[in-house]
Amino acid sequence: MVLQDLREKTSAQHRQLESHPLLHQLTSGQLSTGVYNTILQKFYGFFSPLEELISQYSPEDYLEDYQERRKAQLLLQDLNKIDNDHFSQQLPDICDDLPNITNTDGAMGALYVMEGSTLGGQMISRHVEKTLGFTPSNGTAFFYGYGKDTGKRWKKFQQAMQQYTSRQLTHTQLITGAQHTFSKLNTWLSL
């Protein structure tokens, strides 16, 4: 039930993010290495501090493999592989306008957005490989995510979310956390 609520109540923010001009280029036949590099930098600048913020609310209490699900390191790995010269000189800018997460509900809402992105990442990874020649071992590790285990890992996340929310009467803060995560990422990509 909560997952259906999340999907429905974040659909507007999700659609807005998917139609962002920068992300639209990601699935374009005109994708360039420069644009791809910019996208990876932007995602790192958002995911890295967001993962740190989420970690303050002990998500591993509800999602035992949370540490394995952190993706900022995969973004650094990809950036290093595709643009070693520039990457070694300076890290990407870091977002300082994150979602207002003040409790575990907000953190789980943000995780819903982050984990959900792994589903679309599979298609993006294949497109980037076809368009630019980057593979999971040399530039698409972030979008490749869990690879053939993506569906299984998404189901495990859904089960953890159901178990977490089964003890709550309301899911308002969880949904707000997800909505704000979509919106803040959209804003960050526009800067």
C-alpha atoms as a PDB file:
ATOM      1  CA  MET A   1       0.000   0.000   0.000  1.00  0.00           C
ATOM      2  CA  VAL A   2       2.708   2.518   0.940  1.00  0.00           C
ATOM      3  CA  LEU A   3       4.616   1.830  -2.282  1.00  0.00           C
ATOM      4  CA  GLN A   4       1.525   2.552  -4.338  1.00  0.00           C
ATOM      5  CA  ASP A   5       1.013   5.765  -2.348  1.00  0.00           C
ATOM      6  CA  LEU A   6       4.639   6.738  -2.931  1.00  0.00           C
ATOM      7  CA  ARG A   7       4.381   6.077  -6.653  1.00  0.00           C
ATOM      8  CA  GLU A   8       1.146   8.049  -6.990  1.00  0.00           C
ATOM      9  CA  LYS A   9       2.102  10.963  -4.753  1.00  0.00           C
ATOM     10  CA  THR A  10       5.541  11.436  -6.306  1.00  0.00           C
ATOM     11  CA  SER A  11       4.491  10.944  -9.929  1.00  0.00           C
ATOM     12  CA  ALA A  12       4.430  14.683 -10.723  1.00  0.00           C
ATOM     13  CA  GLN A  13       7.937  15.222  -9.309  1.00  0.00           C
ATOM     14  CA  HIS A  14       9.169  12.061 -11.007  1.00  0.00           C
ATOM     15  CA  ARG A  15       7.841  13.154 -14.419  1.00  0.00           C
ATOM     16  CA  GLN A  16       9.355  16.611 -13.964  1.00  0.00           C
ATOM     17  CA  LEU A  17      12.764  15.107 -13.197  1.00  0.00           C
ATOM     18  CA  GLU A  18      12.591  12.677 -16.116  1.00  0.00           C
ATOM     19  CA  SER A  19      11.855  15.555 -18.494  1.00  0.00           C
ATOM     20  CA  HIS A  20      14.766  17.667 -17.255  1.00  0.00           C
ATOM     21  CA  PRO A  21      16.767  18.811 -20.322  1.00  0.00           C
ATOM     22  CA  LEU A  22      20.040  17.426 -18.985  1.00  0.00           C
ATOM     23  CA  LEU A  23      18.560  13.996 -18.302  1.00  0.00           C
ATOM     24  CA  HIS A  24      16.744  14.051 -21.634  1.00  0.00           C
ATOM     25  CA  GLN A  25      20.179  14.247 -23.283  1.00  0.00           C
ATOM     26  CA  LEU A  26      21.192  11.137 -21.376  1.00  0.00           C
ATOM     27  CA  THR A  27      18.913   8.986 -23.521  1.00  0.00           C
ATOM     28  CA  SER A  28      19.515  10.915 -26.730  1.00  0.00           C
ATOM     29  CA  GLY A  29      21.357   9.528 -29.708  1.00  0.00           C
ATOM     30  CA  GLN A  30      23.379  12.767 -29.569  1.00  0.00           C
ATOM     31  CA  LEU A  31      24.825  12.067 -26.101  1.00  0.00           C
ATOM     32  CA  SER A  32      28.421  13.254 -25.855  1.00  0.00           C
ATOM     33  CA  THR A  33      31.137  12.309 -23.390  1.00  0.00           C
ATOM     34  CA  GLY A  34      31.125  15.908 -22.083  1.00  0.00           C
ATOM     35  CA  VAL A  35      27.397  15.847 -21.315  1.00  0.00           C
ATOM     36  CA  TYR A  36      27.689  12.392 -19.751  1.00  0.00           C
ATOM     37  CA  ASN A  37      30.560  13.619 -17.592  1.00  0.00           C
ATOM     38  CA  THR A  38      28.465  16.616 -16.471  1.00  0.00           C
ATOM     39  CA  ILE A  39      25.567  14.325 -15.540  1.00  0.00           C
ATOM     40  CA  LEU A  40      27.845  12.062 -13.490  1.00  0.00           C
ATOM     41  CA  GLN A  41      29.300  15.086 -11.696  1.00  0.00           C
ATOM     42  CA  LYS A  42      25.838  16.416 -10.913  1.00  0.00           C
ATOM     43  CA  PHE A  43      24.655  13.043  -9.603  1.00  0.00           C
ATOM     44  CA  TYR A  44      27.770  12.724  -7.444  1.00  0.00           C
ATOM     45  CA  GLY A  45      27.275  16.249  -6.095  1.00  0.00           C
ATOM     46  CA  PHE A  46      23.767  15.268  -4.989  1.00  0.00           C
ATOM     47  CA  PHE A  47      24.094  11.601  -4.012  1.00  0.00           C
ATOM     48  CA  SER A  48      27.256  11.958  -1.932  1.00  0.00           C
ATOM     49  CA  PRO A  49      25.886  14.432   0.647  1.00  0.00           C
ATOM     50  CA  LEU A  50      22.432  12.836   0.521  1.00  0.00           C
ATOM     51  CA  GLU A  51      23.888   9.438   1.425  1.00  0.00           C
ATOM     52  CA  GLU A  52      25.681  11.046   4.365  1.00  0.00           C
ATOM     53  CA  LEU A  53      22.457  12.701   5.502  1.00  0.00           C
ATOM     54  CA  ILE A  54      20.485   9.458   5.199  1.00  0.00           C
ATOM     55  CA  SER A  55      23.173   7.602   7.172  1.00  0.00           C
ATOM     56  CA  GLN A  56      22.430   9.767  10.223  1.00  0.00           C
ATOM     57  CA  TYR A  57      19.099   7.930  10.584  1.00  0.00           C
ATOM     58  CA  SER A  58      20.490   4.359  10.655  1.00  0.00           C
ATOM     59  CA  PRO A  59      18.750   2.986   7.552  1.00  0.00           C
ATOM     60  CA  GLU A  60      20.587  -0.298   8.048  1.00  0.00           C
ATOM     61  CA  ASP A  61      18.187  -0.949  10.922  1.00  0.00           C
ATOM     62  CA  TYR A  62      15.500  -1.426   8.254  1.00  0.00           C
ATOM     63  CA  LEU A  63      17.591  -2.171   5.169  1.00  0.00           C
ATOM     64  CA  GLU A  64      20.418  -4.434   6.277  1.00  0.00           C
ATOM     65  CA  ASP A  65      22.457  -3.997   3.080  1.00  0.00           C
ATOM     66  CA  TYR A  66      22.238  -0.195   3.036  1.00  0.00           C
ATOM     67  CA  GLN A  67      26.030   0.259   3.005  1.00  0.00           C
ATOM     68  CA  GLU A  68      26.254  -1.888  -0.146  1.00  0.00           C
ATOM     69  CA  ARG A  69      23.575   0.260  -1.771  1.00  0.00           C
ATOM     70  CA  ARG A  70      25.493   3.513  -1.486  1.00  0.00           C
ATOM     71  CA  LYS A  71      26.256   4.776  -4.965  1.00  0.00           C
ATOM     72  CA  ALA A  72      28.461   7.866  -4.637  1.00  0.00           C
ATOM     73  CA  GLN A  73      31.591   5.715  -4.895  1.00  0.00           C
ATOM     74  CA  LEU A  74      30.340   4.262  -8.185  1.00  0.00           C
ATOM     75  CA  LEU A  75      29.988   7.800  -9.528  1.00  0.00           C
ATOM     76  CA  LEU A  76      33.559   8.618  -8.519  1.00  0.00           C
ATOM     77  CA  GLN A  77      34.717   5.415 -10.166  1.00  0.00           C
ATOM     78  CA  ASP A  78      32.908   6.317 -13.405  1.00  0.00           C
ATOM     79  CA  LEU A  79      34.236   9.876 -13.398  1.00  0.00           C
ATOM     80  CA  ASN A  80      37.761   8.600 -12.872  1.00  0.00           C
ATOM     81  CA  LYS A  81      37.417   6.150 -15.765  1.00  0.00           C
ATOM     82  CA  ILE A  82      36.000   8.565 -18.336  1.00  0.00           C
ATOM     83  CA  ASP A  83      37.865  11.756 -17.440  1.00  0.00           C
ATOM     84  CA  ASN A  84      40.923  10.887 -15.402  1.00  0.00           C
ATOM     85  CA  ASP A  85      42.851  14.077 -16.241  1.00  0.00           C
ATOM     86  CA  HIS A  86      40.153  16.503 -15.065  1.00  0.00           C
ATOM     87  CA  PHE A  87      38.906  14.295 -12.257  1.00  0.00           C
ATOM     88  CA  SER A  88      42.308  14.018 -10.587  1.00  0.00           C
ATOM     89  CA  GLN A  89      42.495  17.814 -10.337  1.00  0.00           C
ATOM     90  CA  GLN A  90      39.196  18.530  -8.586  1.00  0.00           C
ATOM     91  CA  LEU A  91      36.139  16.805  -7.183  1.00  0.00           C
ATOM     92  CA  PRO A  92      32.685  17.781  -8.472  1.00  0.00           C
ATOM     93  CA  ASP A  93      30.717  20.546  -6.756  1.00  0.00           C
ATOM     94  CA  ILE A  94      28.592  19.383  -3.825  1.00  0.00           C
ATOM     95  CA  CYS A  95      24.920  20.274  -3.431  1.00  0.00           C
ATOM     96  CA  ASP A  96      24.135  22.245  -0.290  1.00  0.00           C
ATOM     97  CA  ASP A  97      20.358  22.392  -0.864  1.00  0.00           C
ATOM     98  CA  LEU A  98      19.327  18.869   0.065  1.00  0.00           C
ATOM     99  CA  PRO A  99      15.866  17.600   0.975  1.00  0.00           C
ATOM    100  CA  ASN A 100      14.845  18.527   4.513  1.00  0.00           C
ATOM    101  CA  ILE A 101      15.353  15.114   6.114  1.00  0.00           C
ATOM    102  CA  THR A 102      14.933  15.209   9.876  1.00  0.00           C
ATOM    103  CA  ASN A 103      13.948  11.634  10.710  1.00  0.00           C
ATOM    104  CA  THR A 104      13.952   8.037   9.495  1.00  0.00           C
ATOM    105  CA  ASP A 105      10.724   8.532   7.538  1.00  0.00           C
ATOM    106  CA  GLY A 106      12.345  11.255   5.438  1.00  0.00           C
ATOM    107  CA  ALA A 107      15.459   9.143   4.980  1.00  0.00           C
ATOM    108  CA  MET A 108      13.416   6.167   3.786  1.00  0.00           C
ATOM    109  CA  GLY A 109      11.533   8.446   1.384  1.00  0.00           C
ATOM    110  CA  ALA A 110      14.827   9.638  -0.091  1.00  0.00           C
ATOM    111  CA  LEU A 111      16.009   6.044  -0.360  1.00  0.00           C
ATOM    112  CA  TYR A 112      12.870   5.216  -2.329  1.00  0.00           C
ATOM    113  CA  VAL A 113      13.960   7.733  -4.966  1.00  0.00           C
ATOM    114  CA  MET A 114      17.572   6.570  -4.984  1.00  0.00           C
ATOM    115  CA  GLU A 115      16.746   2.878  -5.173  1.00  0.00           C
ATOM    116  CA  GLY A 116      14.046   3.447  -7.764  1.00  0.00           C
ATOM    117  CA  SER A 117      16.628   5.099 -10.002  1.00  0.00           C
ATOM    118  CA  THR A 118      18.411   1.766 -10.371  1.00  0.00           C
ATOM    119  CA  LEU A 119      15.521   0.467 -12.483  1.00  0.00           C
ATOM    120  CA  GLY A 120      15.877   3.123 -15.175  1.00  0.00           C
ATOM    121  CA  GLY A 121      19.635   2.951 -14.810  1.00  0.00           C
ATOM    122  CA  GLN A 122      19.674  -0.405 -16.561  1.00  0.00           C
ATOM    123  CA  MET A 123      18.311   1.109 -19.765  1.00  0.00           C
ATOM    124  CA  ILE A 124      20.601   4.131 -19.455  1.00  0.00           C
ATOM    125  CA  SER A 125      23.655   1.916 -18.962  1.00  0.00           C
ATOM    126  CA  ARG A 126      22.884   0.009 -22.173  1.00  0.00           C
ATOM    127  CA  HIS A 127      22.276   3.252 -24.074  1.00  0.00           C
ATOM    128  CA  VAL A 128      25.529   4.832 -22.881  1.00  0.00           C
ATOM    129  CA  GLU A 129      27.438   1.694 -23.838  1.00  0.00           C
ATOM    130  CA  LYS A 130      25.863   1.702 -27.302  1.00  0.00           C
ATOM    131  CA  THR A 131      26.333   5.464 -27.804  1.00  0.00           C
ATOM    132  CA  LEU A 132      29.685   6.154 -26.128  1.00  0.00           C
ATOM    133  CA  GLY A 133      31.229   2.720 -25.637  1.00  0.00           C
ATOM    134  CA  PHE A 134      31.438   2.934 -21.835  1.00  0.00           C
ATOM    135  CA  THR A 135      30.761  -0.280 -19.924  1.00  0.00           C
ATOM    136  CA  PRO A 136      30.095  -1.032 -16.253  1.00  0.00           C
ATOM    137  CA  SER A 137      33.823  -1.556 -15.704  1.00  0.00           C
ATOM    138  CA  ASN A 138      34.848   1.648 -17.477  1.00  0.00           C
ATOM    139  CA  GLY A 139      32.225   4.345 -17.011  1.00  0.00           C
ATOM    140  CA  THR A 140      28.669   3.097 -16.351  1.00  0.00           C
ATOM    141  CA  ALA A 141      28.987   1.406 -12.956  1.00  0.00           C
ATOM    142  CA  PHE A 142      26.549   3.894 -11.391  1.00  0.00           C
ATOM    143  CA  PHE A 143      23.787   3.398 -13.938  1.00  0.00           C
ATOM    144  CA  TYR A 144      24.474  -0.329 -14.233  1.00  0.00           C
ATOM    145  CA  GLY A 145      23.887  -0.490 -10.484  1.00  0.00           C
ATOM    146  CA  TYR A 146      23.119  -4.032  -9.426  1.00  0.00           C
ATOM    147  CA  GLY A 147      23.189  -5.415 -12.966  1.00  0.00           C
ATOM    148  CA  LYS A 148      21.270  -8.651 -13.327  1.00  0.00           C
ATOM    149  CA  ASP A 149      20.332  -8.449  -9.634  1.00  0.00           C
ATOM    150  CA  THR A 150      18.547  -5.090  -9.990  1.00  0.00           C
ATOM    151  CA  GLY A 151      15.039  -6.566  -9.940  1.00  0.00           C
ATOM    152  CA  LYS A 152      15.860  -8.760  -6.951  1.00  0.00           C
ATOM    153  CA  ARG A 153      17.440  -5.850  -5.048  1.00  0.00           C
ATOM    154  CA  TRP A 154      14.413  -3.621  -5.819  1.00  0.00           C
ATOM    155  CA  LYS A 155      12.074  -6.305  -4.439  1.00  0.00           C
ATOM    156  CA  LYS A 156      14.220  -6.564  -1.321  1.00  0.00           C
ATOM    157  CA  PHE A 157      14.010  -2.793  -0.897  1.00  0.00           C
ATOM    158  CA  GLN A 158      10.229  -2.904  -1.348  1.00  0.00           C
ATOM    159  CA  GLN A 159       9.962  -5.605   1.331  1.00  0.00           C
ATOM    160  CA  ALA A 160      12.102  -3.539   3.709  1.00  0.00           C
ATOM    161  CA  MET A 161       9.935  -0.494   3.037  1.00  0.00           C
ATOM    162  CA  GLN A 162       6.740  -2.484   3.679  1.00  0.00           C
ATOM    163  CA  GLN A 163       8.158  -3.867   6.900  1.00  0.00           C
ATOM    164  CA  TYR A 164       9.322  -0.419   8.020  1.00  0.00           C
ATOM    165  CA  THR A 165       5.973   1.236   7.329  1.00  0.00           C
ATOM    166  CA  SER A 166       3.802  -1.558   8.720  1.00  0.00           C
ATOM    167  CA  ARG A 167       4.153  -0.088  12.224  1.00  0.00           C
ATOM    168  CA  GLN A 168       3.084   3.413  11.262  1.00  0.00           C
ATOM    169  CA  LEU A 169      -0.323   5.003  11.059  1.00  0.00           C
ATOM    170  CA  THR A 170       0.714   7.690   8.591  1.00  0.00           C
ATOM    171  CA  HIS A 171       3.276   7.914   5.818  1.00  0.00           C
ATOM    172  CA  THR A 172       3.165  11.666   5.323  1.00  0.00           C
ATOM    173  CA  GLN A 173       6.810  12.384   6.192  1.00  0.00           C
ATOM    174  CA  LEU A 174       8.025   9.444   4.126  1.00  0.00           C
ATOM    175  CA  ILE A 175       6.123  10.687   1.064  1.00  0.00           C
ATOM    176  CA  THR A 176       7.284  14.250   1.671  1.00  0.00           C
ATOM    177  CA  GLY A 177      10.883  13.012   1.874  1.00  0.00           C
ATOM    178  CA  ALA A 178      10.535  11.320  -1.517  1.00  0.00           C
ATOM    179  CA  GLN A 179       8.817  14.345  -3.100  1.00  0.00           C
ATOM    180  CA  HIS A 180      11.499  16.702  -1.814  1.00  0.00           C
ATOM    181  CA  THR A 181      14.269  14.402  -3.023  1.00  0.00           C
ATOM    182  CA  PHE A 182      12.880  14.414  -6.564  1.00  0.00           C
ATOM    183  CA  SER A 183      12.376  18.191  -6.473  1.00  0.00           C
ATOM    184  CA  LYS A 184      15.769  19.028  -4.977  1.00  0.00           C
ATOM    185  CA  LEU A 185      17.562  16.802  -7.504  1.00  0.00           C
ATOM    186  CA  ASN A 186      15.683  18.530 -10.320  1.00  0.00           C
ATOM    187  CA  THR A 187      16.733  21.944  -8.961  1.00  0.00           C
ATOM    188  CA  TRP A 188      20.348  20.825  -8.535  1.00  0.00           C
ATOM    189  CA  LEU A 189      20.528  19.586 -12.128  1.00  0.00           C
ATOM    190  CA  SER A 190      19.427  23.040 -13.279  1.00  0.00           C
ATOM    191  CA  LEU A 191      22.277  24.897 -11.567  1.00  0.00           C
END
